[in-house]
Amino acid sequence: MMQNTLSVQSFIRTIVWIVAMLILSPILLIADTVSKSLIGTGAVLLVPALIFVMWVSVILSKMFYILPEWEKIVLLKLGKYEGIKGAGFFVIPPFIYSVAAIIDTRIETHQIEATATLTKDNVPTKITAAVEFRVEDPKKAVIDVQNYRLSVTWLSTEALKNTIGSLDLKELLSERDQIAKTLQAQIDNGAVAYGVDVRAVRITDIDTPTSLVDELAVIARARRTSEAKRIQAEAEVYVAQKTVEASKILSEAQDAVASMRLRELQTMTEISKEGRSTIVLYPYGDRDGKDIAHAVGGQLSHRIDNPQPQA
């Protein structure tokens, strides 16, 4: 698209240059005639006349501009700010008006780095970030600052280093999104003076010493283990409390023996859900039942220890 626009502009300027040369060609004939009549040769005045005609033709051809939608021209009149033009086709008269700059108003992305910067806990850290911005006020970007891109880059680098120095390494690693939002607001406040709107800041990389990363990993594992043990202990306390409450409820029931018996049956039902469980029931205190249960248990144990070969 940009090449097409430039091609059309170059074509129009070329046509204007040719037309201007044709219109001003009588000057060459006059110079040649005068030179021959006065000096006897036409080369003396013809060369300066040719240079003058070409110079005027070039100036007239450069009056015509075609800009794409994303470009703006900052226009000066006798050195003073006149206004903003663009986009489209327009003519700028020479000598009185001049073009200070052509500004691209599309979003730009620049990479910034803060190398060997100490965090709040004295850890050397390198952070790389991407800053997205666009020119919001072409007048400020051209008139008030010499190089707005360089100014925004230095402003972003300084803000990034100040942010690193005010935070611990743990905060830098765990709060990237919040840090990016803070940086965006800080840089945008300073870039307003340059006519620039900072759209977003993204932290792309945080480089820390390898030994320190290993230490942080060990600390993180220890914290996870401690948290798991704490949760397990809380679960055991909860189970113990509920067990005490259940025992009180069963002991206060009108038929405590029947309640305890019902609870035993419920527990046996839960155990029997396991596929490899075998439950033998016999009356409490019955020696014959106890002997039968021991016999069944012994046979099951013998079968497990000495499996029969299959035919």
C-alpha atoms as a PDB file:
ATOM      1  CA  MET A   1       0.000   0.000   0.000  1.00  0.00           C
ATOM      2  CA  MET A   2       2.805   2.387   0.888  1.00  0.00           C
ATOM      3  CA  GLN A   3       4.652   1.581  -2.337  1.00  0.00           C
ATOM      4  CA  ASN A   4       1.495   2.200  -4.369  1.00  0.00           C
ATOM      5  CA  THR A   5       1.045   5.614  -2.759  1.00  0.00           C
ATOM      6  CA  LEU A   6       4.653   6.565  -3.413  1.00  0.00           C
ATOM      7  CA  SER A   7       4.381   5.352  -6.996  1.00  0.00           C
ATOM      8  CA  VAL A   8       1.344   7.549  -7.639  1.00  0.00           C
ATOM      9  CA  GLN A   9       3.059  10.542  -6.009  1.00  0.00           C
ATOM     10  CA  SER A  10       6.230   9.991  -8.059  1.00  0.00           C
ATOM     11  CA  PHE A  11       4.175   9.674 -11.247  1.00  0.00           C
ATOM     12  CA  ILE A  12       2.325  12.944 -10.578  1.00  0.00           C
ATOM     13  CA  ARG A  13       5.564  14.769  -9.763  1.00  0.00           C
ATOM     14  CA  THR A  14       7.195  13.465 -12.926  1.00  0.00           C
ATOM     15  CA  ILE A  15       4.287  14.673 -15.064  1.00  0.00           C
ATOM     16  CA  VAL A  16       4.405  18.090 -13.372  1.00  0.00           C
ATOM     17  CA  TRP A  17       8.172  18.282 -13.944  1.00  0.00           C
ATOM     18  CA  ILE A  18       7.775  17.519 -17.666  1.00  0.00           C
ATOM     19  CA  VAL A  19       4.960  20.027 -18.063  1.00  0.00           C
ATOM     20  CA  ALA A  20       6.975  22.697 -16.224  1.00  0.00           C
ATOM     21  CA  MET A  21       9.974  22.029 -18.475  1.00  0.00           C
ATOM     22  CA  LEU A  22       7.797  22.448 -21.567  1.00  0.00           C
ATOM     23  CA  ILE A  23       6.242  25.649 -20.250  1.00  0.00           C
ATOM     24  CA  LEU A  24       9.623  27.133 -19.336  1.00  0.00           C
ATOM     25  CA  SER A  25      11.350  25.987 -22.538  1.00  0.00           C
ATOM     26  CA  PRO A  26      10.909  29.389 -24.221  1.00  0.00           C
ATOM     27  CA  ILE A  27      13.378  30.723 -21.653  1.00  0.00           C
ATOM     28  CA  LEU A  28      16.002  28.461 -23.198  1.00  0.00           C
ATOM     29  CA  LEU A  29      15.228  29.817 -26.684  1.00  0.00           C
ATOM     30  CA  ILE A  30      15.425  33.417 -25.470  1.00  0.00           C
ATOM     31  CA  ALA A  31      18.719  32.755 -23.680  1.00  0.00           C
ATOM     32  CA  ASP A  32      20.158  31.110 -26.781  1.00  0.00           C
ATOM     33  CA  THR A  33      19.065  34.006 -29.044  1.00  0.00           C
ATOM     34  CA  VAL A  34      20.375  36.708 -26.725  1.00  0.00           C
ATOM     35  CA  SER A  35      23.657  34.882 -26.231  1.00  0.00           C
ATOM     36  CA  LYS A  36      24.228  34.528 -29.987  1.00  0.00           C
ATOM     37  CA  SER A  37      23.345  38.162 -30.687  1.00  0.00           C
ATOM     38  CA  LEU A  38      25.561  39.595 -27.964  1.00  0.00           C
ATOM     39  CA  ILE A  39      28.418  37.141 -27.638  1.00  0.00           C
ATOM     40  CA  GLY A  40      28.243  35.129 -30.826  1.00  0.00           C
ATOM     41  CA  THR A  41      27.696  31.739 -29.188  1.00  0.00           C
ATOM     42  CA  GLY A  42      24.609  30.338 -27.429  1.00  0.00           C
ATOM     43  CA  ALA A  43      26.409  28.183 -24.848  1.00  0.00           C
ATOM     44  CA  VAL A  44      27.242  31.078 -22.516  1.00  0.00           C
ATOM     45  CA  LEU A  45      23.657  31.839 -21.403  1.00  0.00           C
ATOM     46  CA  LEU A  46      22.062  28.543 -22.413  1.00  0.00           C
ATOM     47  CA  VAL A  47      23.674  26.463 -19.635  1.00  0.00           C
ATOM     48  CA  PRO A  48      22.632  28.791 -16.766  1.00  0.00           C
ATOM     49  CA  ALA A  49      19.141  29.046 -18.275  1.00  0.00           C
ATOM     50  CA  LEU A  50      18.871  25.254 -18.454  1.00  0.00           C
ATOM     51  CA  ILE A  51      19.916  24.919 -14.807  1.00  0.00           C
ATOM     52  CA  PHE A  52      17.355  27.568 -13.800  1.00  0.00           C
ATOM     53  CA  VAL A  53      14.527  25.879 -15.733  1.00  0.00           C
ATOM     54  CA  MET A  54      15.316  22.453 -14.199  1.00  0.00           C
ATOM     55  CA  TRP A  55      15.497  23.943 -10.702  1.00  0.00           C
ATOM     56  CA  VAL A  56      12.105  25.659 -11.039  1.00  0.00           C
ATOM     57  CA  SER A  57      10.574  22.486 -12.513  1.00  0.00           C
ATOM     58  CA  VAL A  58      11.799  20.390  -9.578  1.00  0.00           C
ATOM     59  CA  ILE A  59      10.412  22.886  -7.052  1.00  0.00           C
ATOM     60  CA  LEU A  60       7.022  22.940  -8.786  1.00  0.00           C
ATOM     61  CA  SER A  61       6.865  19.137  -8.939  1.00  0.00           C
ATOM     62  CA  LYS A  62       7.580  18.793  -5.191  1.00  0.00           C
ATOM     63  CA  MET A  63       4.507  20.886  -4.382  1.00  0.00           C
ATOM     64  CA  PHE A  64       2.274  17.820  -4.821  1.00  0.00           C
ATOM     65  CA  TYR A  65       1.825  15.278  -2.019  1.00  0.00           C
ATOM     66  CA  ILE A  66      -0.139  12.035  -1.693  1.00  0.00           C
ATOM     67  CA  LEU A  67      -0.090  10.562   1.827  1.00  0.00           C
ATOM     68  CA  PRO A  68      -1.603   7.286   3.083  1.00  0.00           C
ATOM     69  CA  GLU A  69      -4.163   7.306   5.880  1.00  0.00           C
ATOM     70  CA  TRP A  70      -1.616   6.746   8.676  1.00  0.00           C
ATOM     71  CA  GLU A  71       0.720   9.662   7.807  1.00  0.00           C
ATOM     72  CA  LYS A  72       0.465  13.340   8.747  1.00  0.00           C
ATOM     73  CA  ILE A  73       2.490  16.355   7.612  1.00  0.00           C
ATOM     74  CA  VAL A  74       3.522  19.057  10.081  1.00  0.00           C
ATOM     75  CA  LEU A  75       3.385  22.282   8.062  1.00  0.00           C
ATOM     76  CA  LEU A  76       5.338  25.496   8.723  1.00  0.00           C
ATOM     77  CA  LYS A  77       4.709  28.966   7.293  1.00  0.00           C
ATOM     78  CA  LEU A  78       7.812  31.123   7.212  1.00  0.00           C
ATOM     79  CA  GLY A  79       9.269  28.978   9.988  1.00  0.00           C
ATOM     80  CA  LYS A  80       6.200  29.074  12.261  1.00  0.00           C
ATOM     81  CA  TYR A  81       3.789  26.263  12.942  1.00  0.00           C
ATOM     82  CA  GLU A  82       0.838  26.420  10.539  1.00  0.00           C
ATOM     83  CA  GLY A  83      -1.057  23.158  10.948  1.00  0.00           C
ATOM     84  CA  ILE A  84      -1.363  19.440  10.197  1.00  0.00           C
ATOM     85  CA  LYS A  85      -2.214  18.040   6.761  1.00  0.00           C
ATOM     86  CA  GLY A  86      -3.039  14.538   5.588  1.00  0.00           C
ATOM     87  CA  ALA A  87      -4.014  12.091   4.476  1.00  0.00           C
ATOM     88  CA  GLY A  88      -4.814  12.240   0.717  1.00  0.00           C
ATOM     89  CA  PHE A  89      -3.800  14.548  -2.129  1.00  0.00           C
ATOM     90  CA  PHE A  90      -2.879  18.194  -1.568  1.00  0.00           C
ATOM     91  CA  VAL A  91      -0.565  20.940  -2.801  1.00  0.00           C
ATOM     92  CA  ILE A  92       1.883  22.892  -0.653  1.00  0.00           C
ATOM     93  CA  PRO A  93       3.098  26.128  -2.259  1.00  0.00           C
ATOM     94  CA  PRO A  94       6.896  26.540  -2.182  1.00  0.00           C
ATOM     95  CA  PHE A  95       9.070  29.225  -0.566  1.00  0.00           C
ATOM     96  CA  ILE A  96       6.408  30.387   1.954  1.00  0.00           C
ATOM     97  CA  TYR A  97       5.332  26.970   3.260  1.00  0.00           C
ATOM     98  CA  SER A  98       7.644  24.130   4.258  1.00  0.00           C
ATOM     99  CA  VAL A  99       7.232  20.594   5.574  1.00  0.00           C
ATOM    100  CA  ALA A 100       8.780  20.112   9.021  1.00  0.00           C
ATOM    101  CA  ALA A 101       8.247  16.345   9.126  1.00  0.00           C
ATOM    102  CA  ILE A 102       6.031  13.498   7.968  1.00  0.00           C
ATOM    103  CA  ILE A 103       4.794  11.533  10.998  1.00  0.00           C
ATOM    104  CA  ASP A 104       3.651   7.902  11.024  1.00  0.00           C
ATOM    105  CA  THR A 105       0.690   7.637  13.424  1.00  0.00           C
ATOM    106  CA  ARG A 106       0.477   3.832  13.494  1.00  0.00           C
ATOM    107  CA  ILE A 107       1.249   1.809  16.633  1.00  0.00           C
ATOM    108  CA  GLU A 108       4.954   1.084  17.056  1.00  0.00           C
ATOM    109  CA  THR A 109       6.588  -1.555  19.248  1.00  0.00           C
ATOM    110  CA  HIS A 110      10.046  -1.015  20.725  1.00  0.00           C
ATOM    111  CA  GLN A 111      12.091  -3.296  22.966  1.00  0.00           C
ATOM    112  CA  ILE A 112      13.668  -1.900  26.117  1.00  0.00           C
ATOM    113  CA  GLU A 113      16.149  -3.535  28.493  1.00  0.00           C
ATOM    114  CA  ALA A 114      17.289  -2.893  32.032  1.00  0.00           C
ATOM    115  CA  THR A 115      20.589  -4.722  32.475  1.00  0.00           C
ATOM    116  CA  ALA A 116      22.442  -5.429  35.731  1.00  0.00           C
ATOM    117  CA  THR A 117      19.870  -3.629  37.872  1.00  0.00           C
ATOM    118  CA  LEU A 118      19.635  -4.434  41.588  1.00  0.00           C
ATOM    119  CA  THR A 119      16.281  -5.300  43.079  1.00  0.00           C
ATOM    120  CA  LYS A 120      15.159  -4.164  46.500  1.00  0.00           C
ATOM    121  CA  ASP A 121      16.743  -7.293  48.016  1.00  0.00           C
ATOM    122  CA  ASN A 122      20.056  -6.653  46.141  1.00  0.00           C
ATOM    123  CA  VAL A 123      19.676  -9.281  43.401  1.00  0.00           C
ATOM    124  CA  PRO A 124      21.191  -8.341  39.993  1.00  0.00           C
ATOM    125  CA  THR A 125      18.418  -8.718  37.436  1.00  0.00           C
ATOM    126  CA  LYS A 126      17.995  -8.110  33.716  1.00  0.00           C
ATOM    127  CA  ILE A 127      14.484  -7.408  32.448  1.00  0.00           C
ATOM    128  CA  THR A 128      13.351  -7.085  28.841  1.00  0.00           C
ATOM    129  CA  ALA A 129      10.046  -5.433  27.987  1.00  0.00           C
ATOM    130  CA  ALA A 130       8.107  -4.356  24.898  1.00  0.00           C
ATOM    131  CA  VAL A 131       6.481  -0.912  24.742  1.00  0.00           C
ATOM    132  CA  GLU A 132       3.635  -0.166  22.323  1.00  0.00           C
ATOM    133  CA  PHE A 133       2.963   3.485  21.520  1.00  0.00           C
ATOM    134  CA  ARG A 134       1.661   5.769  18.787  1.00  0.00           C
ATOM    135  CA  VAL A 135       1.910   9.472  17.993  1.00  0.00           C
ATOM    136  CA  GLU A 136      -1.228  11.144  19.273  1.00  0.00           C
ATOM    137  CA  ASP A 137      -0.223  14.785  18.738  1.00  0.00           C
ATOM    138  CA  PRO A 138       2.060  15.276  15.684  1.00  0.00           C
ATOM    139  CA  LYS A 139       2.691  18.908  16.647  1.00  0.00           C
ATOM    140  CA  LYS A 140       4.285  18.000  19.996  1.00  0.00           C
ATOM    141  CA  ALA A 141       6.163  15.070  18.452  1.00  0.00           C
ATOM    142  CA  VAL A 142       7.865  17.415  15.950  1.00  0.00           C
ATOM    143  CA  ILE A 143       7.907  20.881  17.531  1.00  0.00           C
ATOM    144  CA  ASP A 144       8.467  20.100  21.226  1.00  0.00           C
ATOM    145  CA  VAL A 145      10.993  17.243  20.967  1.00  0.00           C
ATOM    146  CA  GLN A 146      13.799  16.497  18.540  1.00  0.00           C
ATOM    147  CA  ASN A 147      13.440  12.692  18.480  1.00  0.00           C
ATOM    148  CA  TYR A 148      10.277  11.400  20.113  1.00  0.00           C
ATOM    149  CA  ARG A 149      11.144   7.716  19.579  1.00  0.00           C
ATOM    150  CA  LEU A 150      14.478   8.038  21.378  1.00  0.00           C
ATOM    151  CA  SER A 151      12.866  10.091  24.153  1.00  0.00           C
ATOM    152  CA  VAL A 152      10.155   7.492  24.768  1.00  0.00           C
ATOM    153  CA  THR A 153      12.744   4.692  24.753  1.00  0.00           C
ATOM    154  CA  TRP A 154      14.917   6.419  27.377  1.00  0.00           C
ATOM    155  CA  LEU A 155      11.851   7.284  29.455  1.00  0.00           C
ATOM    156  CA  SER A 156      10.726   3.639  29.374  1.00  0.00           C
ATOM    157  CA  THR A 157      14.184   2.349  30.324  1.00  0.00           C
ATOM    158  CA  GLU A 158      14.400   4.708  33.293  1.00  0.00           C
ATOM    159  CA  ALA A 159      10.912   3.731  34.500  1.00  0.00           C
ATOM    160  CA  LEU A 160      11.790   0.044  34.182  1.00  0.00           C
ATOM    161  CA  LYS A 161      14.987   0.433  36.242  1.00  0.00           C
ATOM    162  CA  ASN A 162      13.188   2.411  38.945  1.00  0.00           C
ATOM    163  CA  THR A 163      10.520  -0.280  39.153  1.00  0.00           C
ATOM    164  CA  ILE A 164      13.113  -3.044  39.533  1.00  0.00           C
ATOM    165  CA  GLY A 165      14.851  -1.157  42.330  1.00  0.00           C
ATOM    166  CA  SER A 166      11.612  -0.734  44.280  1.00  0.00           C
ATOM    167  CA  LEU A 167      10.543  -4.409  44.269  1.00  0.00           C
ATOM    168  CA  ASP A 168      11.840  -7.717  45.589  1.00  0.00           C
ATOM    169  CA  LEU A 169      12.745 -10.477  43.151  1.00  0.00           C
ATOM    170  CA  LYS A 170       9.772 -12.523  44.321  1.00  0.00           C
ATOM    171  CA  GLU A 171       7.408  -9.674  43.458  1.00  0.00           C
ATOM    172  CA  LEU A 172       9.011  -9.271  40.023  1.00  0.00           C
ATOM    173  CA  LEU A 173       8.532 -12.954  39.240  1.00  0.00           C
ATOM    174  CA  SER A 174       4.982 -13.298  40.567  1.00  0.00           C
ATOM    175  CA  GLU A 175       3.348  -9.958  39.695  1.00  0.00           C
ATOM    176  CA  ARG A 176       4.259  -9.369  36.045  1.00  0.00           C
ATOM    177  CA  ASP A 177       0.827  -8.183  34.928  1.00  0.00           C
ATOM    178  CA  GLN A 178       0.469  -5.659  37.733  1.00  0.00           C
ATOM    179  CA  ILE A 179       4.015  -4.369  37.186  1.00  0.00           C
ATOM    180  CA  ALA A 180       3.321  -3.980  33.451  1.00  0.00           C
ATOM    181  CA  LYS A 181       0.185  -1.924  34.153  1.00  0.00           C
ATOM    182  CA  THR A 182       2.095   0.299  36.575  1.00  0.00           C
ATOM    183  CA  LEU A 183       4.868   0.824  34.014  1.00  0.00           C
ATOM    184  CA  GLN A 184       2.339   1.651  31.292  1.00  0.00           C
ATOM    185  CA  ALA A 185       0.717   4.348  33.427  1.00  0.00           C
ATOM    186  CA  GLN A 186       4.097   5.789  34.505  1.00  0.00           C
ATOM    187  CA  ILE A 187       5.540   5.933  30.980  1.00  0.00           C
ATOM    188  CA  ASP A 188       2.315   7.295  29.509  1.00  0.00           C
ATOM    189  CA  ASN A 189       2.287  10.179  31.991  1.00  0.00           C
ATOM    190  CA  GLY A 190       5.775  11.220  30.892  1.00  0.00           C
ATOM    191  CA  ALA A 191       5.229  10.615  27.170  1.00  0.00           C
ATOM    192  CA  VAL A 192       2.289  13.036  27.023  1.00  0.00           C
ATOM    193  CA  ALA A 193       4.809  15.877  26.720  1.00  0.00           C
ATOM    194  CA  TYR A 194       6.123  14.255  23.514  1.00  0.00           C
ATOM    195  CA  GLY A 195       2.668  13.876  21.955  1.00  0.00           C
ATOM    196  CA  VAL A 196       2.867  10.083  22.350  1.00  0.00           C
ATOM    197  CA  ASP A 197       0.223   7.715  23.709  1.00  0.00           C
ATOM    198  CA  VAL A 198       1.643   4.567  25.344  1.00  0.00           C
ATOM    199  CA  ARG A 199      -0.827   1.783  24.655  1.00  0.00           C
ATOM    200  CA  ALA A 200       0.712  -1.168  26.493  1.00  0.00           C
ATOM    201  CA  VAL A 201       3.824  -2.499  28.219  1.00  0.00           C
ATOM    202  CA  ARG A 202       4.619  -6.219  28.244  1.00  0.00           C
ATOM    203  CA  ILE A 203       7.412  -7.808  30.288  1.00  0.00           C
ATOM    204  CA  THR A 204       8.859 -10.462  27.997  1.00  0.00           C
ATOM    205  CA  ASP A 205      11.813 -11.801  29.976  1.00  0.00           C
ATOM    206  CA  ILE A 206      13.286 -11.708  33.482  1.00  0.00           C
ATOM    207  CA  ASP A 207      16.865 -12.989  33.654  1.00  0.00           C
ATOM    208  CA  THR A 208      18.220 -13.893  37.095  1.00  0.00           C
ATOM    209  CA  PRO A 209      21.373 -15.806  38.215  1.00  0.00           C
ATOM    210  CA  THR A 210      21.018 -19.599  37.842  1.00  0.00           C
ATOM    211  CA  SER A 211      22.173 -20.282  41.411  1.00  0.00           C
ATOM    212  CA  LEU A 212      19.488 -17.982  42.757  1.00  0.00           C
ATOM    213  CA  VAL A 213      16.795 -19.680  40.677  1.00  0.00           C
ATOM    214  CA  ASP A 214      17.831 -23.057  42.156  1.00  0.00           C
ATOM    215  CA  GLU A 215      17.613 -21.626  45.672  1.00  0.00           C
ATOM    216  CA  LEU A 216      14.153 -20.222  44.988  1.00  0.00           C
ATOM    217  CA  ALA A 217      13.056 -23.611  43.651  1.00  0.00           C
ATOM    218  CA  VAL A 218      14.214 -25.321  46.862  1.00  0.00           C
ATOM    219  CA  ILE A 219      12.364 -22.737  48.961  1.00  0.00           C
ATOM    220  CA  ALA A 220       9.217 -23.195  46.888  1.00  0.00           C
ATOM    221  CA  ARG A 221       9.314 -26.995  47.292  1.00  0.00           C
ATOM    222  CA  ALA A 222       9.801 -26.658  51.051  1.00  0.00           C
ATOM    223  CA  ARG A 223       6.819 -24.296  51.258  1.00  0.00           C
ATOM    224  CA  ARG A 224       4.628 -26.678  49.250  1.00  0.00           C
ATOM    225  CA  THR A 225       5.623 -29.586  51.493  1.00  0.00           C
ATOM    226  CA  SER A 226       4.896 -27.528  54.603  1.00  0.00           C
ATOM    227  CA  GLU A 227       1.516 -26.494  53.198  1.00  0.00           C
ATOM    228  CA  ALA A 228       0.623 -30.124  52.392  1.00  0.00           C
ATOM    229  CA  LYS A 229       1.500 -31.227  55.924  1.00  0.00           C
ATOM    230  CA  ARG A 230      -0.521 -28.376  57.392  1.00  0.00           C
ATOM    231  CA  ILE A 231      -3.581 -29.327  55.338  1.00  0.00           C
ATOM    232  CA  GLN A 232      -3.186 -32.995  56.339  1.00  0.00           C
ATOM    233  CA  ALA A 233      -2.938 -32.062  60.021  1.00  0.00           C
ATOM    234  CA  GLU A 234      -6.048 -29.878  59.753  1.00  0.00           C
ATOM    235  CA  ALA A 235      -7.897 -32.788  58.121  1.00  0.00           C
ATOM    236  CA  GLU A 236      -6.893 -35.128  60.958  1.00  0.00           C
ATOM    237  CA  VAL A 237      -8.077 -32.604  63.532  1.00  0.00           C
ATOM    238  CA  TYR A 238     -11.392 -32.261  61.696  1.00  0.00           C
ATOM    239  CA  VAL A 239     -11.864 -36.045  61.541  1.00  0.00           C
ATOM    240  CA  ALA A 240     -11.063 -36.375  65.256  1.00  0.00           C
ATOM    241  CA  GLN A 241     -13.589 -33.668  66.136  1.00  0.00           C
ATOM    242  CA  LYS A 242     -16.291 -35.290  64.065  1.00  0.00           C
ATOM    243  CA  THR A 243     -15.473 -38.692  65.564  1.00  0.00           C
ATOM    244  CA  VAL A 244     -15.911 -37.290  69.086  1.00  0.00           C
ATOM    245  CA  GLU A 245     -19.214 -35.713  68.069  1.00  0.00           C
ATOM    246  CA  ALA A 246     -20.394 -39.002  66.548  1.00  0.00           C
ATOM    247  CA  SER A 247     -19.466 -40.965  69.680  1.00  0.00           C
ATOM    248  CA  LYS A 248     -21.414 -38.511  71.822  1.00  0.00           C
ATOM    249  CA  ILE A 249     -24.460 -38.791  69.607  1.00  0.00           C
ATOM    250  CA  LEU A 250     -24.344 -42.606  69.690  1.00  0.00           C
ATOM    251  CA  SER A 251     -23.777 -42.732  73.462  1.00  0.00           C
ATOM    252  CA  GLU A 252     -26.720 -40.398  74.092  1.00  0.00           C
ATOM    253  CA  ALA A 253     -29.092 -42.439  71.978  1.00  0.00           C
ATOM    254  CA  GLN A 254     -31.883 -44.374  73.717  1.00  0.00           C
ATOM    255  CA  ASP A 255     -30.603 -47.685  72.449  1.00  0.00           C
ATOM    256  CA  ALA A 256     -26.846 -47.160  72.530  1.00  0.00           C
ATOM    257  CA  VAL A 257     -26.057 -50.808  71.759  1.00  0.00           C
ATOM    258  CA  ALA A 258     -28.288 -50.839  68.720  1.00  0.00           C
ATOM    259  CA  SER A 259     -26.808 -47.561  67.526  1.00  0.00           C
ATOM    260  CA  MET A 260     -23.279 -48.844  67.875  1.00  0.00           C
ATOM    261  CA  ARG A 261     -24.310 -52.056  66.104  1.00  0.00           C
ATOM    262  CA  LEU A 262     -25.805 -50.076  63.236  1.00  0.00           C
ATOM    263  CA  ARG A 263     -22.611 -48.042  62.958  1.00  0.00           C
ATOM    264  CA  GLU A 264     -20.588 -51.274  62.837  1.00  0.00           C
ATOM    265  CA  LEU A 265     -22.728 -52.568  59.986  1.00  0.00           C
ATOM    266  CA  GLN A 266     -22.310 -49.312  58.066  1.00  0.00           C
ATOM    267  CA  THR A 267     -18.547 -49.507  58.510  1.00  0.00           C
ATOM    268  CA  MET A 268     -18.527 -53.117  57.294  1.00  0.00           C
ATOM    269  CA  THR A 269     -20.561 -52.118  54.249  1.00  0.00           C
ATOM    270  CA  GLU A 270     -18.012 -49.468  53.360  1.00  0.00           C
ATOM    271  CA  ILE A 271     -15.152 -51.941  53.783  1.00  0.00           C
ATOM    272  CA  SER A 272     -16.898 -54.554  51.632  1.00  0.00           C
ATOM    273  CA  LYS A 273     -16.913 -52.156  48.678  1.00  0.00           C
ATOM    274  CA  GLU A 274     -13.244 -52.947  48.173  1.00  0.00           C
ATOM    275  CA  GLY A 275     -12.968 -55.879  45.747  1.00  0.00           C
ATOM    276  CA  ARG A 276     -10.247 -57.729  47.675  1.00  0.00           C
ATOM    277  CA  SER A 277     -11.928 -57.531  51.108  1.00  0.00           C
ATOM    278  CA  THR A 278     -13.433 -60.562  52.900  1.00  0.00           C
ATOM    279  CA  ILE A 279     -15.623 -60.037  55.982  1.00  0.00           C
ATOM    280  CA  VAL A 280     -16.542 -62.838  58.398  1.00  0.00           C
ATOM    281  CA  LEU A 281     -19.327 -62.020  60.908  1.00  0.00           C
ATOM    282  CA  TYR A 282     -19.845 -63.925  64.156  1.00  0.00           C
ATOM    283  CA  PRO A 283     -21.458 -63.077  67.513  1.00  0.00           C
ATOM    284  CA  TYR A 284     -19.321 -61.187  69.945  1.00  0.00           C
ATOM    285  CA  GLY A 285     -17.795 -63.603  72.505  1.00  0.00           C
ATOM    286  CA  ASP A 286     -18.686 -66.769  70.525  1.00  0.00           C
ATOM    287  CA  ARG A 287     -15.570 -68.955  70.534  1.00  0.00           C
ATOM    288  CA  ASP A 288     -16.855 -71.196  67.731  1.00  0.00           C
ATOM    289  CA  GLY A 289     -17.410 -68.193  65.486  1.00  0.00           C
ATOM    290  CA  LYS A 290     -14.009 -66.868  66.341  1.00  0.00           C
ATOM    291  CA  ASP A 291     -12.372 -70.219  65.432  1.00  0.00           C
ATOM    292  CA  ILE A 292     -14.273 -70.329  62.141  1.00  0.00           C
ATOM    293  CA  ALA A 293     -13.149 -66.780  61.290  1.00  0.00           C
ATOM    294  CA  HIS A 294      -9.523 -67.658  62.053  1.00  0.00           C
ATOM    295  CA  ALA A 295      -9.787 -70.768  59.887  1.00  0.00           C
ATOM    296  CA  VAL A 296     -11.203 -68.847  56.944  1.00  0.00           C
ATOM    297  CA  GLY A 297      -8.507 -66.231  57.343  1.00  0.00           C
ATOM    298  CA  GLY A 298      -5.808 -68.889  57.357  1.00  0.00           C
ATOM    299  CA  GLN A 299      -7.129 -70.500  54.164  1.00  0.00           C
ATOM    300  CA  LEU A 300      -7.235 -67.145  52.376  1.00  0.00           C
ATOM    301  CA  SER A 301      -3.692 -66.389  53.490  1.00  0.00           C
ATOM    302  CA  HIS A 302      -2.507 -69.818  52.301  1.00  0.00           C
ATOM    303  CA  ARG A 303      -4.133 -69.284  48.874  1.00  0.00           C
ATOM    304  CA  ILE A 304      -2.444 -65.924  48.475  1.00  0.00           C
ATOM    305  CA  ASP A 305       0.984 -67.189  49.525  1.00  0.00           C
ATOM    306  CA  ASN A 306       0.730 -70.490  47.531  1.00  0.00           C
ATOM    307  CA  PRO A 307      -1.389 -69.956  44.410  1.00  0.00           C
ATOM    308  CA  GLN A 308      -2.545 -73.145  42.662  1.00  0.00           C
ATOM    309  CA  PRO A 309      -1.085 -73.758  39.193  1.00  0.00           C
ATOM    310  CA  GLN A 310      -3.626 -73.530  36.388  1.00  0.00           C
ATOM    311  CA  ALA A 311      -4.154 -76.501  34.124  1.00  0.00           C
END
